[in-house]
């Protein structure tokens, strides 16, 4: 992923099944975050991702505290942002 353009995909996955596999970590009116503790593959790049951010509002602003590689998908009008720790 390093040096590659971020991927944006229309996801062909069961988001309910995906979310059931992840550990909820936080929520506010704009976003809900999950941690990938079981190495689920990212639907965009097929590599395990670290965290998932589900945007509940449009538009939503994110303040990142560290450099991350991102993959993005949209399902039912919600953005799903898959984070990968930068190498």
Protein backbone atom coordinates (compact mmCIF):
# COMPACT_ATOMS: atom_id res chain seq x y z
CA UNK A 1 0.00 0.00 0.00
CA UNK A 2 2.87 2.38 0.60
CA UNK A 3 3.10 4.65 -2.41
CA UNK A 4 -0.21 3.43 -3.81
CA UNK A 5 -3.30 5.56 -4.19
CA UNK A 6 -5.99 4.89 -1.57
CA UNK A 7 -8.65 2.48 -2.72
CA UNK A 8 -12.35 3.31 -2.80
CA UNK A 9 -14.67 0.42 -3.41
CA UNK A 10 -18.36 -0.29 -3.43
CA UNK A 11 -18.29 -3.11 -0.94
CA UNK A 12 -19.76 -6.47 -1.83
CA UNK A 13 -19.56 -7.76 1.74
CA UNK A 14 -21.93 -8.46 4.58
CA UNK A 15 -21.31 -5.43 6.80
CA UNK A 16 -23.29 -7.00 9.67
CA UNK A 17 -20.98 -10.02 9.59
CA UNK A 18 -17.91 -7.77 9.34
CA UNK A 19 -18.93 -5.62 12.32
CA UNK A 20 -19.75 -8.73 14.38
CA UNK A 21 -16.12 -9.86 13.88
CA UNK A 22 -14.65 -6.61 15.22
CA UNK A 23 -14.28 -5.14 18.72
CA UNK A 24 -16.18 -1.86 19.29
CA UNK A 25 -13.83 0.86 20.65
CA UNK A 26 -15.69 4.16 20.63
CA UNK A 27 -18.61 6.13 19.35
CA UNK A 28 -19.74 9.72 19.05
CA UNK A 29 -22.50 11.36 16.98
CA UNK A 30 -20.29 11.40 13.84
CA UNK A 31 -18.33 8.11 13.89
CA UNK A 32 -18.11 4.65 15.40
CA UNK A 33 -14.74 2.89 15.68
CA UNK A 34 -13.87 -0.80 15.79
CA UNK A 35 -10.58 -2.63 16.35
CA UNK A 36 -9.66 -5.62 14.20
CA UNK A 37 -8.36 -8.05 16.84
CA UNK A 38 -8.74 -11.17 14.68
CA UNK A 39 -6.92 -10.09 11.48
CA UNK A 40 -9.97 -9.77 9.23
CA UNK A 41 -8.92 -8.94 5.65
CA UNK A 42 -9.66 -5.48 4.26
CA UNK A 43 -12.25 -5.75 1.45
CA UNK A 44 -10.30 -3.21 -0.64
CA UNK A 45 -6.71 -4.49 -0.46
CA UNK A 46 -7.24 -7.94 1.10
CA UNK A 47 -4.61 -7.29 3.80
CA UNK A 48 -5.54 -7.31 7.51
CA UNK A 49 -6.49 -3.83 8.70
CA UNK A 50 -6.00 -2.31 12.16
CA UNK A 51 -9.17 -0.33 12.77
CA UNK A 52 -12.45 0.47 11.07
CA UNK A 53 -14.08 3.90 11.25
CA UNK A 54 -17.74 4.01 10.22
CA UNK A 55 -18.90 7.53 9.39
CA UNK A 56 -22.45 8.09 10.63
CA UNK A 57 -22.77 11.69 9.43
CA UNK A 58 -22.07 13.31 6.07
CA UNK A 59 -19.82 15.22 6.02
CA UNK A 60 -17.55 14.03 8.82
CA UNK A 61 -14.15 15.39 9.83
CA UNK A 62 -11.40 13.12 11.15
CA UNK A 63 -8.35 14.30 13.08
CA UNK A 64 -5.56 11.74 12.78
CA UNK A 65 -2.88 11.62 15.46
CA UNK A 66 -0.56 9.39 13.40
CA UNK A 67 0.19 8.63 9.78
CA UNK A 68 -2.03 5.85 8.43
CA UNK A 69 -2.69 4.19 5.11
CA UNK A 70 -6.42 4.18 4.39
CA UNK A 71 -8.79 2.09 2.32
CA UNK A 72 -12.32 3.43 1.90
CA UNK A 73 -15.59 1.79 0.95
CA UNK A 74 -19.19 2.97 0.87
CA UNK A 75 -22.17 0.88 1.87
CA UNK A 76 -25.72 2.25 2.13
CA UNK A 77 -24.44 5.83 2.03
CA UNK A 78 -22.00 5.34 4.92
CA UNK A 79 -18.23 5.57 4.52
CA UNK A 80 -16.22 2.67 5.93
CA UNK A 81 -12.57 3.66 6.48
CA UNK A 82 -10.13 0.80 7.01
CA UNK A 83 -6.89 1.97 8.64
CA UNK A 84 -3.51 0.36 8.15
CA UNK A 85 -0.52 1.46 10.21
CA UNK A 86 2.01 3.09 7.90
CA UNK A 87 5.31 1.21 7.57
